[in-house]
Amino acid sequence: IWIEPKNQWPTGHLELFELTAAHEGIDNIGAYWVPDTTKPLP
């Protein structure tokens, strides 16, 4: 799965979330863009 932004996203950073998991039936990985929320989002 590949994501390509098509407009100007809020300033921020890319994050990878890796969790423990008991078995393969549980999603334990996440990837997403995190906007800077020190200022209110419009």
PDB file of all heavy atoms in Angstrom:
ATOM      1  N   ILE A   1       0.854  -1.193   0.000  1.00  0.00           N
ATOM      2  CA  ILE A   1       0.000   0.000   0.000  1.00  0.00           C
ATOM      3  C   ILE A   1       0.886   1.237   0.000  1.00  0.00           C
ATOM      4  O   ILE A   1       1.763   1.380   0.852  1.00  0.00           O
ATOM      5  CB  ILE A   1      -0.944   0.020   1.220  1.00  0.00           C
ATOM      6  CG1 ILE A   1      -1.843  -1.229   1.226  1.00  0.00           C
ATOM      7  CG2 ILE A   1      -1.794   1.285   1.219  1.00  0.00           C
ATOM      8  CD1 ILE A   1      -2.785  -1.296   2.420  1.00  0.00           C
ATOM      9  N   TRP A   2       0.642   2.147  -0.950  1.00  0.00           N
ATOM     10  CA  TRP A   2       1.446   3.357  -1.106  1.00  0.00           C
ATOM     11  C   TRP A   2       0.543   4.580  -1.080  1.00  0.00           C
ATOM     12  O   TRP A   2      -0.487   4.608  -1.752  1.00  0.00           O
ATOM     13  CB  TRP A   2       2.217   3.300  -2.422  1.00  0.00           C
ATOM     14  CG  TRP A   2       3.122   4.462  -2.681  1.00  0.00           C
ATOM     15  CD1 TRP A   2       2.978   5.432  -3.639  1.00  0.00           C
ATOM     16  CD2 TRP A   2       4.327   4.778  -1.986  1.00  0.00           C
ATOM     17  NE1 TRP A   2       4.022   6.324  -3.578  1.00  0.00           N
ATOM     18  CE2 TRP A   2       4.871   5.954  -2.574  1.00  0.00           C
ATOM     19  CE3 TRP A   2       5.013   4.186  -0.920  1.00  0.00           C
ATOM     20  CZ2 TRP A   2       6.049   6.539  -2.127  1.00  0.00           C
ATOM     21  CZ3 TRP A   2       6.189   4.770  -0.478  1.00  0.00           C
ATOM     22  CH2 TRP A   2       6.694   5.928  -1.083  1.00  0.00           C
ATOM     23  N   ILE A   3       0.919   5.583  -0.283  1.00  0.00           N
ATOM     24  CA  ILE A   3       0.149   6.818  -0.101  1.00  0.00           C
ATOM     25  C   ILE A   3       0.904   7.978  -0.740  1.00  0.00           C
ATOM     26  O   ILE A   3       2.085   8.189  -0.467  1.00  0.00           O
ATOM     27  CB  ILE A   3      -0.055   7.138   1.398  1.00  0.00           C
ATOM     28  CG1 ILE A   3      -0.685   5.956   2.134  1.00  0.00           C
ATOM     29  CG2 ILE A   3      -0.872   8.418   1.561  1.00  0.00           C
ATOM     30  CD1 ILE A   3      -2.129   5.724   1.853  1.00  0.00           C
ATOM     31  N   GLU A   4       0.208   8.766  -1.594  1.00  0.00           N
ATOM     32  CA  GLU A   4       0.793   9.967  -2.194  1.00  0.00           C
ATOM     33  C   GLU A   4      -0.087  11.169  -1.864  1.00  0.00           C
ATOM     34  O   GLU A   4      -1.237  11.227  -2.309  1.00  0.00           O
ATOM     35  CB  GLU A   4       0.876   9.830  -3.711  1.00  0.00           C
ATOM     36  CG  GLU A   4       1.782   8.740  -4.217  1.00  0.00           C
ATOM     37  CD  GLU A   4       1.681   8.627  -5.731  1.00  0.00           C
ATOM     38  OE1 GLU A   4       2.390   9.385  -6.428  1.00  0.00           O
ATOM     39  OE2 GLU A   4       0.878   7.790  -6.200  1.00  0.00           O
ATOM     40  N   PRO A   5       0.406  12.123  -1.065  1.00  0.00           N
ATOM     41  CA  PRO A   5      -0.389  13.334  -0.795  1.00  0.00           C
ATOM     42  C   PRO A   5      -0.707  14.078  -2.086  1.00  0.00           C
ATOM     43  O   PRO A   5       0.134  14.198  -2.975  1.00  0.00           O
ATOM     44  CB  PRO A   5       0.531  14.159   0.103  1.00  0.00           C
ATOM     45  CG  PRO A   5       1.466  13.170   0.723  1.00  0.00           C
ATOM     46  CD  PRO A   5       1.678  12.119  -0.326  1.00  0.00           C
ATOM     47  N   LYS A   6      -1.934  14.601  -2.178  1.00  0.00           N
ATOM     48  CA  LYS A   6      -2.368  15.335  -3.365  1.00  0.00           C
ATOM     49  C   LYS A   6      -2.676  16.793  -3.071  1.00  0.00           C
ATOM     50  O   LYS A   6      -3.063  17.534  -3.975  1.00  0.00           O
ATOM     51  CB  LYS A   6      -3.599  14.648  -3.980  1.00  0.00           C
ATOM     52  CG  LYS A   6      -3.293  13.293  -4.595  1.00  0.00           C
ATOM     53  CD  LYS A   6      -2.275  13.388  -5.712  1.00  0.00           C
ATOM     54  CE  LYS A   6      -1.987  12.048  -6.346  1.00  0.00           C
ATOM     55  NZ  LYS A   6      -0.924  12.141  -7.373  1.00  0.00           N
ATOM     56  N   ASN A   7      -2.527  17.188  -1.804  1.00  0.00           N
ATOM     57  CA  ASN A   7      -2.617  18.603  -1.463  1.00  0.00           C
ATOM     58  C   ASN A   7      -1.587  18.880  -0.370  1.00  0.00           C
ATOM     59  O   ASN A   7      -0.844  17.975   0.047  1.00  0.00           O
ATOM     60  CB  ASN A   7      -4.033  19.000  -1.029  1.00  0.00           C
ATOM     61  CG  ASN A   7      -4.393  18.451   0.337  1.00  0.00           C
ATOM     62  OD1 ASN A   7      -3.938  17.383   0.748  1.00  0.00           O
ATOM     63  ND2 ASN A   7      -5.238  19.165   1.067  1.00  0.00           N
ATOM     64  N   GLN A   8      -1.512  20.111   0.098  1.00  0.00           N
ATOM     65  CA  GLN A   8      -0.536  20.475   1.113  1.00  0.00           C
ATOM     66  C   GLN A   8      -1.026  20.022   2.482  1.00  0.00           C
ATOM     67  O   GLN A   8      -1.956  20.588   3.048  1.00  0.00           O
ATOM     68  CB  GLN A   8      -0.315  21.999   1.117  1.00  0.00           C
ATOM     69  CG  GLN A   8       0.801  22.470   2.033  1.00  0.00           C
ATOM     70  CD  GLN A   8       2.176  22.076   1.529  1.00  0.00           C
ATOM     71  OE1 GLN A   8       2.450  22.168   0.347  1.00  0.00           O
ATOM     72  NE2 GLN A   8       3.033  21.629   2.439  1.00  0.00           N
ATOM     73  N   TRP A   9      -0.410  18.987   3.034  1.00  0.00           N
ATOM     74  CA  TRP A   9      -0.784  18.512   4.354  1.00  0.00           C
ATOM     75  C   TRP A   9      -0.222  19.442   5.426  1.00  0.00           C
ATOM     76  O   TRP A   9       0.781  20.129   5.213  1.00  0.00           O
ATOM     77  CB  TRP A   9      -0.247  17.104   4.573  1.00  0.00           C
ATOM     78  CG  TRP A   9      -0.978  16.047   3.804  1.00  0.00           C
ATOM     79  CD1 TRP A   9      -1.970  16.237   2.885  1.00  0.00           C
ATOM     80  CD2 TRP A   9      -0.780  14.641   3.886  1.00  0.00           C
ATOM     81  NE1 TRP A   9      -2.391  15.034   2.389  1.00  0.00           N
ATOM     82  CE2 TRP A   9      -1.678  14.032   2.991  1.00  0.00           C
ATOM     83  CE3 TRP A   9       0.074  13.828   4.622  1.00  0.00           C
ATOM     84  CZ2 TRP A   9      -1.752  12.664   2.810  1.00  0.00           C
ATOM     85  CZ3 TRP A   9       0.009  12.453   4.455  1.00  0.00           C
ATOM     86  CH2 TRP A   9      -0.897  11.878   3.562  1.00  0.00           C
ATOM     87  N   PRO A  10      -0.829  19.462   6.622  1.00  0.00           N
ATOM     88  CA  PRO A  10      -0.288  20.284   7.705  1.00  0.00           C
ATOM     89  C   PRO A  10       1.143  19.872   8.051  1.00  0.00           C
ATOM     90  O   PRO A  10       1.508  18.694   7.950  1.00  0.00           O
ATOM     91  CB  PRO A  10      -1.240  19.997   8.875  1.00  0.00           C
ATOM     92  CG  PRO A  10      -2.485  19.478   8.255  1.00  0.00           C
ATOM     93  CD  PRO A  10      -2.070  18.759   7.020  1.00  0.00           C
ATOM     94  N   THR A  11       1.938  20.838   8.463  1.00  0.00           N
ATOM     95  CA  THR A  11       3.306  20.553   8.893  1.00  0.00           C
ATOM     96  C   THR A  11       3.290  19.532  10.023  1.00  0.00           C
ATOM     97  O   THR A  11       2.456  19.597  10.932  1.00  0.00           O
ATOM     98  CB  THR A  11       3.992  21.838   9.371  1.00  0.00           C
ATOM     99  OG1 THR A  11       3.983  22.785   8.314  1.00  0.00           O
ATOM    100  CG2 THR A  11       5.419  21.572   9.802  1.00  0.00           C
ATOM    101  N   GLY A  12       4.212  18.566   9.983  1.00  0.00           N
ATOM    102  CA  GLY A  12       4.243  17.541  11.006  1.00  0.00           C
ATOM    103  C   GLY A  12       5.346  16.536  10.753  1.00  0.00           C
ATOM    104  O   GLY A  12       6.421  16.888  10.258  1.00  0.00           O
ATOM    105  N   HIS A  13       5.064  15.277  11.047  1.00  0.00           N
ATOM    106  CA  HIS A  13       6.072  14.236  10.852  1.00  0.00           C
ATOM    107  C   HIS A  13       5.385  12.897  10.584  1.00  0.00           C
ATOM    108  O   HIS A  13       4.210  12.697  10.905  1.00  0.00           O
ATOM    109  CB  HIS A  13       6.991  14.127  12.063  1.00  0.00           C
ATOM    110  CG  HIS A  13       6.290  13.695  13.322  1.00  0.00           C
ATOM    111  ND1 HIS A  13       5.702  14.589  14.194  1.00  0.00           N
ATOM    112  CD2 HIS A  13       6.058  12.459  13.858  1.00  0.00           C
ATOM    113  CE1 HIS A  13       5.157  13.940  15.203  1.00  0.00           C
ATOM    114  NE2 HIS A  13       5.355  12.638  15.020  1.00  0.00           N
ATOM    115  N   LEU A  14       6.154  11.989   9.997  1.00  0.00           N
ATOM    116  CA  LEU A  14       5.683  10.632   9.728  1.00  0.00           C
ATOM    117  C   LEU A  14       6.040   9.753  10.917  1.00  0.00           C
ATOM    118  O   LEU A  14       7.113   9.886  11.499  1.00  0.00           O
ATOM    119  CB  LEU A  14       6.332  10.088   8.456  1.00  0.00           C
ATOM    120  CG  LEU A  14       5.849   8.721   7.972  1.00  0.00           C
ATOM    121  CD1 LEU A  14       4.393   8.792   7.535  1.00  0.00           C
ATOM    122  CD2 LEU A  14       6.715   8.227   6.819  1.00  0.00           C
ATOM    123  N   GLU A  15       5.120   8.850  11.251  1.00  0.00           N
ATOM    124  CA  GLU A  15       5.309   8.032  12.447  1.00  0.00           C
ATOM    125  C   GLU A  15       5.076   6.561  12.120  1.00  0.00           C
ATOM    126  O   GLU A  15       4.206   6.217  11.314  1.00  0.00           O
ATOM    127  CB  GLU A  15       4.331   8.481  13.538  1.00  0.00           C
ATOM    128  CG  GLU A  15       4.833   8.293  14.945  1.00  0.00           C
ATOM    129  CD  GLU A  15       4.012   9.115  15.921  1.00  0.00           C
ATOM    130  OE1 GLU A  15       2.895   8.683  16.262  1.00  0.00           O
ATOM    131  OE2 GLU A  15       4.496  10.189  16.352  1.00  0.00           O
ATOM    132  N   LEU A  16       5.849   5.698  12.790  1.00  0.00           N
ATOM    133  CA  LEU A  16       5.675   4.253  12.703  1.00  0.00           C
ATOM    134  C   LEU A  16       5.372   3.734  14.106  1.00  0.00           C
ATOM    135  O   LEU A  16       6.120   3.989  15.050  1.00  0.00           O
ATOM    136  CB  LEU A  16       6.931   3.579  12.149  1.00  0.00           C
ATOM    137  CG  LEU A  16       6.899   2.048  12.076  1.00  0.00           C
ATOM    138  CD1 LEU A  16       5.836   1.560  11.088  1.00  0.00           C
ATOM    139  CD2 LEU A  16       8.275   1.496  11.689  1.00  0.00           C
ATOM    140  N   PHE A  17       4.269   3.008  14.221  1.00  0.00           N
ATOM    141  CA  PHE A  17       3.796   2.481  15.499  1.00  0.00           C
ATOM    142  C   PHE A  17       3.933   0.965  15.445  1.00  0.00           C
ATOM    143  O   PHE A  17       3.319   0.313  14.601  1.00  0.00           O
ATOM    144  CB  PHE A  17       2.336   2.907  15.688  1.00  0.00           C
ATOM    145  CG  PHE A  17       1.813   2.795  17.089  1.00  0.00           C
ATOM    146  CD1 PHE A  17       2.645   2.645  18.177  1.00  0.00           C
ATOM    147  CD2 PHE A  17       0.441   2.860  17.323  1.00  0.00           C
ATOM    148  CE1 PHE A  17       2.144   2.560  19.466  1.00  0.00           C
ATOM    149  CE2 PHE A  17      -0.082   2.781  18.608  1.00  0.00           C
ATOM    150  CZ  PHE A  17       0.780   2.629  19.679  1.00  0.00           C
ATOM    151  N   GLU A  18       4.748   0.374  16.343  1.00  0.00           N
ATOM    152  CA  GLU A  18       4.967  -1.066  16.382  1.00  0.00           C
ATOM    153  C   GLU A  18       4.577  -1.579  17.763  1.00  0.00           C
ATOM    154  O   GLU A  18       5.145  -1.175  18.775  1.00  0.00           O
ATOM    155  CB  GLU A  18       6.430  -1.393  16.079  1.00  0.00           C
ATOM    156  CG  GLU A  18       6.849  -0.997  14.665  1.00  0.00           C
ATOM    157  CD  GLU A  18       8.352  -1.081  14.442  1.00  0.00           C
ATOM    158  OE1 GLU A  18       9.099  -0.429  15.199  1.00  0.00           O
ATOM    159  OE2 GLU A  18       8.779  -1.781  13.505  1.00  0.00           O
ATOM    160  N   LEU A  19       3.608  -2.488  17.796  1.00  0.00           N
ATOM    161  CA  LEU A  19       3.064  -2.994  19.049  1.00  0.00           C
ATOM    162  C   LEU A  19       3.439  -4.446  19.262  1.00  0.00           C
ATOM    163  O   LEU A  19       3.762  -5.181  18.311  1.00  0.00           O
ATOM    164  CB  LEU A  19       1.531  -2.886  19.045  1.00  0.00           C
ATOM    165  CG  LEU A  19       0.923  -1.485  19.051  1.00  0.00           C
ATOM    166  CD1 LEU A  19      -0.572  -1.574  18.769  1.00  0.00           C
ATOM    167  CD2 LEU A  19       1.177  -0.796  20.373  1.00  0.00           C
ATOM    168  N   THR A  20       3.376  -4.872  20.512  1.00  0.00           N
ATOM    169  CA  THR A  20       3.437  -6.298  20.788  1.00  0.00           C
ATOM    170  C   THR A  20       2.144  -6.938  20.280  1.00  0.00           C
ATOM    171  O   THR A  20       1.149  -6.256  20.047  1.00  0.00           O
ATOM    172  CB  THR A  20       3.572  -6.544  22.298  1.00  0.00           C
ATOM    173  OG1 THR A  20       2.445  -5.946  22.953  1.00  0.00           O
ATOM    174  CG2 THR A  20       4.845  -5.903  22.847  1.00  0.00           C
ATOM    175  N   ALA A  21       2.140  -8.237  20.103  1.00  0.00           N
ATOM    176  CA  ALA A  21       0.939  -8.933  19.629  1.00  0.00           C
ATOM    177  C   ALA A  21       1.000 -10.391  20.056  1.00  0.00           C
ATOM    178  O   ALA A  21       2.075 -11.000  20.057  1.00  0.00           O
ATOM    179  CB  ALA A  21       0.809  -8.829  18.112  1.00  0.00           C
ATOM    180  N   ALA A  22      -0.159 -10.927  20.401  1.00  0.00           N
ATOM    181  CA  ALA A  22      -0.225 -12.305  20.875  1.00  0.00           C
ATOM    182  C   ALA A  22      -0.221 -13.316  19.733  1.00  0.00           C
ATOM    183  O   ALA A  22       0.218 -14.441  19.900  1.00  0.00           O
ATOM    184  CB  ALA A  22      -1.467 -12.501  21.737  1.00  0.00           C
ATOM    185  N   HIS A  23      -0.714 -12.896  18.557  1.00  0.00           N
ATOM    186  CA  HIS A  23      -0.797 -13.828  17.441  1.00  0.00           C
ATOM    187  C   HIS A  23      -0.993 -13.045  16.149  1.00  0.00           C
ATOM    188  O   HIS A  23      -1.199 -11.827  16.152  1.00  0.00           O
ATOM    189  CB  HIS A  23      -1.929 -14.841  17.640  1.00  0.00           C
ATOM    190  CG  HIS A  23      -3.272 -14.221  17.849  1.00  0.00           C
ATOM    191  ND1 HIS A  23      -4.044 -13.750  16.806  1.00  0.00           N
ATOM    192  CD2 HIS A  23      -3.985 -13.969  18.968  1.00  0.00           C
ATOM    193  CE1 HIS A  23      -5.174 -13.255  17.270  1.00  0.00           C
ATOM    194  NE2 HIS A  23      -5.165 -13.369  18.584  1.00  0.00           N
ATOM    195  N   GLU A  24      -0.952 -13.744  15.037  1.00  0.00           N
ATOM    196  CA  GLU A  24      -0.972 -13.101  13.729  1.00  0.00           C
ATOM    197  C   GLU A  24      -2.340 -12.566  13.328  1.00  0.00           C
ATOM    198  O   GLU A  24      -2.468 -11.903  12.294  1.00  0.00           O
ATOM    199  CB  GLU A  24      -0.480 -14.076  12.664  1.00  0.00           C
ATOM    200  CG  GLU A  24      -1.370 -15.297  12.479  1.00  0.00           C
ATOM    201  CD  GLU A  24      -0.652 -16.425  11.771  1.00  0.00           C
ATOM    202  OE1 GLU A  24       0.022 -17.216  12.465  1.00  0.00           O
ATOM    203  OE2 GLU A  24      -0.765 -16.515  10.530  1.00  0.00           O
ATOM    204  N   GLY A  25      -3.357 -12.805  14.109  1.00  0.00           N
ATOM    205  CA  GLY A  25      -4.682 -12.274  13.812  1.00  0.00           C
ATOM    206  C   GLY A  25      -4.889 -10.861  14.311  1.00  0.00           C
ATOM    207  O   GLY A  25      -5.972 -10.313  14.150  1.00  0.00           O
ATOM    208  N   ILE A  26      -3.864 -10.267  14.913  1.00  0.00           N
ATOM    209  CA  ILE A  26      -3.973  -8.929  15.485  1.00  0.00           C
ATOM    210  C   ILE A  26      -3.091  -7.962  14.704  1.00  0.00           C
ATOM    211  O   ILE A  26      -1.895  -8.213  14.514  1.00  0.00           O
ATOM    212  CB  ILE A  26      -3.548  -8.928  16.966  1.00  0.00           C
ATOM    213  CG1 ILE A  26      -4.484  -9.810  17.786  1.00  0.00           C
ATOM    214  CG2 ILE A  26      -3.516  -7.500  17.520  1.00  0.00           C
ATOM    215  CD1 ILE A  26      -4.079  -9.936  19.238  1.00  0.00           C
ATOM    216  N   ASP A  27      -3.664  -6.845  14.239  1.00  0.00           N
ATOM    217  CA  ASP A  27      -2.853  -5.797  13.627  1.00  0.00           C
ATOM    218  C   ASP A  27      -2.005  -5.123  14.704  1.00  0.00           C
ATOM    219  O   ASP A  27      -2.533  -4.674  15.723  1.00  0.00           O
ATOM    220  CB  ASP A  27      -3.740  -4.750  12.950  1.00  0.00           C
ATOM    221  CG  ASP A  27      -4.289  -5.232  11.614  1.00  0.00           C
ATOM    222  OD1 ASP A  27      -3.747  -6.218  11.082  1.00  0.00           O
ATOM    223  OD2 ASP A  27      -5.262  -4.629  11.112  1.00  0.00           O
ATOM    224  N   ASN A  28      -0.706  -5.051  14.486  1.00  0.00           N
ATOM    225  CA  ASN A  28       0.186  -4.457  15.483  1.00  0.00           C
ATOM    226  C   ASN A  28       1.138  -3.424  14.889  1.00  0.00           C
ATOM    227  O   ASN A  28       2.080  -2.995  15.556  1.00  0.00           O
ATOM    228  CB  ASN A  28       0.996  -5.548  16.193  1.00  0.00           C
ATOM    229  CG  ASN A  28       1.935  -6.294  15.254  1.00  0.00           C
ATOM    230  OD1 ASN A  28       1.610  -6.537  14.100  1.00  0.00           O
ATOM    231  ND2 ASN A  28       3.108  -6.647  15.736  1.00  0.00           N
ATOM    232  N   ILE A  29       0.873  -3.013  13.641  1.00  0.00           N
ATOM    233  CA  ILE A  29       1.726  -2.039  12.956  1.00  0.00           C
ATOM    234  C   ILE A  29       0.861  -0.901  12.428  1.00  0.00           C
ATOM    235  O   ILE A  29      -0.224  -1.136  11.895  1.00  0.00           O
ATOM    236  CB  ILE A  29       2.478  -2.694  11.772  1.00  0.00           C
ATOM    237  CG1 ILE A  29       3.313  -3.889  12.246  1.00  0.00           C
ATOM    238  CG2 ILE A  29       3.335  -1.673  11.047  1.00  0.00           C
ATOM    239  CD1 ILE A  29       4.453  -3.535  13.167  1.00  0.00           C
ATOM    240  N   GLY A  30       1.346   0.319  12.587  1.00  0.00           N
ATOM    241  CA  GLY A  30       0.651   1.472  12.033  1.00  0.00           C
ATOM    242  C   GLY A  30       1.636   2.477  11.467  1.00  0.00           C
ATOM    243  O   GLY A  30       2.735   2.663  11.998  1.00  0.00           O
ATOM    244  N   ALA A  31       1.270   3.122  10.365  1.00  0.00           N
ATOM    245  CA  ALA A  31       2.072   4.196   9.768  1.00  0.00           C
ATOM    246  C   ALA A  31       1.116   5.308   9.364  1.00  0.00           C
ATOM    247  O   ALA A  31       0.081   5.039   8.749  1.00  0.00           O
ATOM    248  CB  ALA A  31       2.864   3.692   8.565  1.00  0.00           C
ATOM    249  N   TYR A  32       1.483   6.579   9.674  1.00  0.00           N
ATOM    250  CA  TYR A  32       0.556   7.686   9.453  1.00  0.00           C
ATOM    251  C   TYR A  32       1.317   9.001   9.584  1.00  0.00           C
ATOM    252  O   TYR A  32       2.430   9.068  10.138  1.00  0.00           O
ATOM    253  CB  TYR A  32      -0.582   7.634  10.480  1.00  0.00           C
ATOM    254  CG  TYR A  32      -0.091   7.309  11.875  1.00  0.00           C
ATOM    255  CD1 TYR A  32       0.362   8.317  12.732  1.00  0.00           C
ATOM    256  CD2 TYR A  32      -0.029   5.988  12.318  1.00  0.00           C
ATOM    257  CE1 TYR A  32       0.848   8.029  13.985  1.00  0.00           C
ATOM    258  CE2 TYR A  32       0.465   5.684  13.576  1.00  0.00           C
ATOM    259  CZ  TYR A  32       0.905   6.695  14.407  1.00  0.00           C
ATOM    260  OH  TYR A  32       1.407   6.386  15.649  1.00  0.00           O
ATOM    261  N   TRP A  33       0.717  10.079   9.098  1.00  0.00           N
ATOM    262  CA  TRP A  33       1.272  11.425   9.193  1.00  0.00           C
ATOM    263  C   TRP A  33       0.637  12.141  10.383  1.00  0.00           C
ATOM    264  O   TRP A  33      -0.583  12.140  10.535  1.00  0.00           O
ATOM    265  CB  TRP A  33       1.019  12.209   7.909  1.00  0.00           C
ATOM    266  CG  TRP A  33       1.592  13.596   7.930  1.00  0.00           C
ATOM    267  CD1 TRP A  33       0.919  14.768   8.159  1.00  0.00           C
ATOM    268  CD2 TRP A  33       2.956  13.955   7.720  1.00  0.00           C
ATOM    269  NE1 TRP A  33       1.789  15.839   8.101  1.00  0.00           N
ATOM    270  CE2 TRP A  33       3.054  15.368   7.834  1.00  0.00           C
ATOM    271  CE3 TRP A  33       4.115  13.222   7.450  1.00  0.00           C
ATOM    272  CZ2 TRP A  33       4.257  16.051   7.678  1.00  0.00           C
ATOM    273  CZ3 TRP A  33       5.318  13.906   7.300  1.00  0.00           C
ATOM    274  CH2 TRP A  33       5.374  15.308   7.416  1.00  0.00           C
ATOM    275  N   VAL A  34       1.475  12.736  11.242  1.00  0.00           N
ATOM    276  CA  VAL A  34       1.006  13.415  12.450  1.00  0.00           C
ATOM    277  C   VAL A  34       1.214  14.917  12.295  1.00  0.00           C
ATOM    278  O   VAL A  34       2.351  15.396  12.285  1.00  0.00           O
ATOM    279  CB  VAL A  34       1.763  12.917  13.699  1.00  0.00           C
ATOM    280  CG1 VAL A  34       1.262  13.641  14.950  1.00  0.00           C
ATOM    281  CG2 VAL A  34       1.610  11.414  13.857  1.00  0.00           C
ATOM    282  N   PRO A  35       0.142  15.707  12.169  1.00  0.00           N
ATOM    283  CA  PRO A  35       0.281  17.163  12.087  1.00  0.00           C
ATOM    284  C   PRO A  35       0.749  17.749  13.425  1.00  0.00           C
ATOM    285  O   PRO A  35       0.471  17.196  14.493  1.00  0.00           O
ATOM    286  CB  PRO A  35      -1.132  17.652  11.744  1.00  0.00           C
ATOM    287  CG  PRO A  35      -1.869  16.445  11.287  1.00  0.00           C
ATOM    288  CD  PRO A  35      -1.252  15.284  11.986  1.00  0.00           C
ATOM    289  N   ASP A  36       1.416  18.868  13.342  1.00  0.00           N
ATOM    290  CA  ASP A  36       1.791  19.622  14.531  1.00  0.00           C
ATOM    291  C   ASP A  36       0.527  20.234  15.134  1.00  0.00           C
ATOM    292  O   ASP A  36      -0.159  21.028  14.487  1.00  0.00           O
ATOM    293  CB  ASP A  36       2.788  20.717  14.143  1.00  0.00           C
ATOM    294  CG  ASP A  36       3.198  21.585  15.321  1.00  0.00           C
ATOM    295  OD1 ASP A  36       2.830  21.252  16.465  1.00  0.00           O
ATOM    296  OD2 ASP A  36       3.883  22.598  15.094  1.00  0.00           O
ATOM    297  N   THR A  37       0.220  19.840  16.371  1.00  0.00           N
ATOM    298  CA  THR A  37      -1.009  20.346  17.011  1.00  0.00           C
ATOM    299  C   THR A  37      -0.702  21.363  18.112  1.00  0.00           C
ATOM    300  O   THR A  37      -1.546  21.619  18.974  1.00  0.00           O
ATOM    301  CB  THR A  37      -1.834  19.183  17.587  1.00  0.00           C
ATOM    302  OG1 THR A  37      -1.001  18.385  18.451  1.00  0.00           O
ATOM    303  CG2 THR A  37      -2.396  18.308  16.487  1.00  0.00           C
ATOM    304  N   THR A  38       0.513  21.916  18.099  1.00  0.00           N
ATOM    305  CA  THR A  38       0.788  22.984  19.069  1.00  0.00           C
ATOM    306  C   THR A  38      -0.016  24.233  18.738  1.00  0.00           C
ATOM    307  O   THR A  38      -0.245  25.071  19.602  1.00  0.00           O
ATOM    308  CB  THR A  38       2.288  23.333  19.083  1.00  0.00           C
ATOM    309  OG1 THR A  38       2.705  23.701  17.750  1.00  0.00           O
ATOM    310  CG2 THR A  38       3.113  22.142  19.548  1.00  0.00           C
ATOM    311  N   LYS A  39      -0.440  24.345  17.481  1.00  0.00           N
ATOM    312  CA  LYS A  39      -1.362  25.398  17.074  1.00  0.00           C
ATOM    313  C   LYS A  39      -2.664  24.744  16.636  1.00  0.00           C
ATOM    314  O   LYS A  39      -2.649  23.636  16.085  1.00  0.00           O
ATOM    315  CB  LYS A  39      -0.774  26.219  15.923  1.00  0.00           C
ATOM    316  CG  LYS A  39       0.496  26.977  16.295  1.00  0.00           C
ATOM    317  CD  LYS A  39       1.007  27.771  15.100  1.00  0.00           C
ATOM    318  CE  LYS A  39       2.275  28.527  15.462  1.00  0.00           C
ATOM    319  NZ  LYS A  39       2.808  29.309  14.300  1.00  0.00           N
ATOM    320  N   PRO A  40      -3.806  25.380  16.863  1.00  0.00           N
ATOM    321  CA  PRO A  40      -5.089  24.767  16.499  1.00  0.00           C
ATOM    322  C   PRO A  40      -5.157  24.440  15.000  1.00  0.00           C
ATOM    323  O   PRO A  40      -4.747  25.241  14.161  1.00  0.00           O
ATOM    324  CB  PRO A  40      -6.118  25.841  16.881  1.00  0.00           C
ATOM    325  CG  PRO A  40      -5.435  26.673  17.911  1.00  0.00           C
ATOM    326  CD  PRO A  40      -3.982  26.690  17.529  1.00  0.00           C
ATOM    327  N   LEU A  41      -5.677  23.271  14.706  1.00  0.00           N
ATOM    328  CA  LEU A  41      -5.911  22.917  13.312  1.00  0.00           C
ATOM    329  C   LEU A  41      -7.114  23.686  12.795  1.00  0.00           C
ATOM    330  O   LEU A  41      -8.092  23.896  13.533  1.00  0.00           O
ATOM    331  CB  LEU A  41      -6.157  21.408  13.192  1.00  0.00           C
ATOM    332  CG  LEU A  41      -4.967  20.515  13.543  1.00  0.00           C
ATOM    333  CD1 LEU A  41      -5.393  19.064  13.641  1.00  0.00           C
ATOM    334  CD2 LEU A  41      -3.852  20.675  12.519  1.00  0.00           C
ATOM    335  N   PRO A  42      -7.095  24.117  11.543  1.00  0.00           N
ATOM    336  CA  PRO A  42      -8.194  24.944  11.029  1.00  0.00           C
ATOM    337  C   PRO A  42      -9.457  24.132  10.798  1.00  0.00           C
ATOM    338  O   PRO A  42      -9.404  22.938  10.488  1.00  0.00           O
ATOM    339  CB  PRO A  42      -7.632  25.473   9.709  1.00  0.00           C
ATOM    340  CG  PRO A  42      -6.659  24.423   9.271  1.00  0.00           C
ATOM    341  CD  PRO A  42      -6.036  23.903  10.536  1.00  0.00           C
TER     342      PRO A  42
END
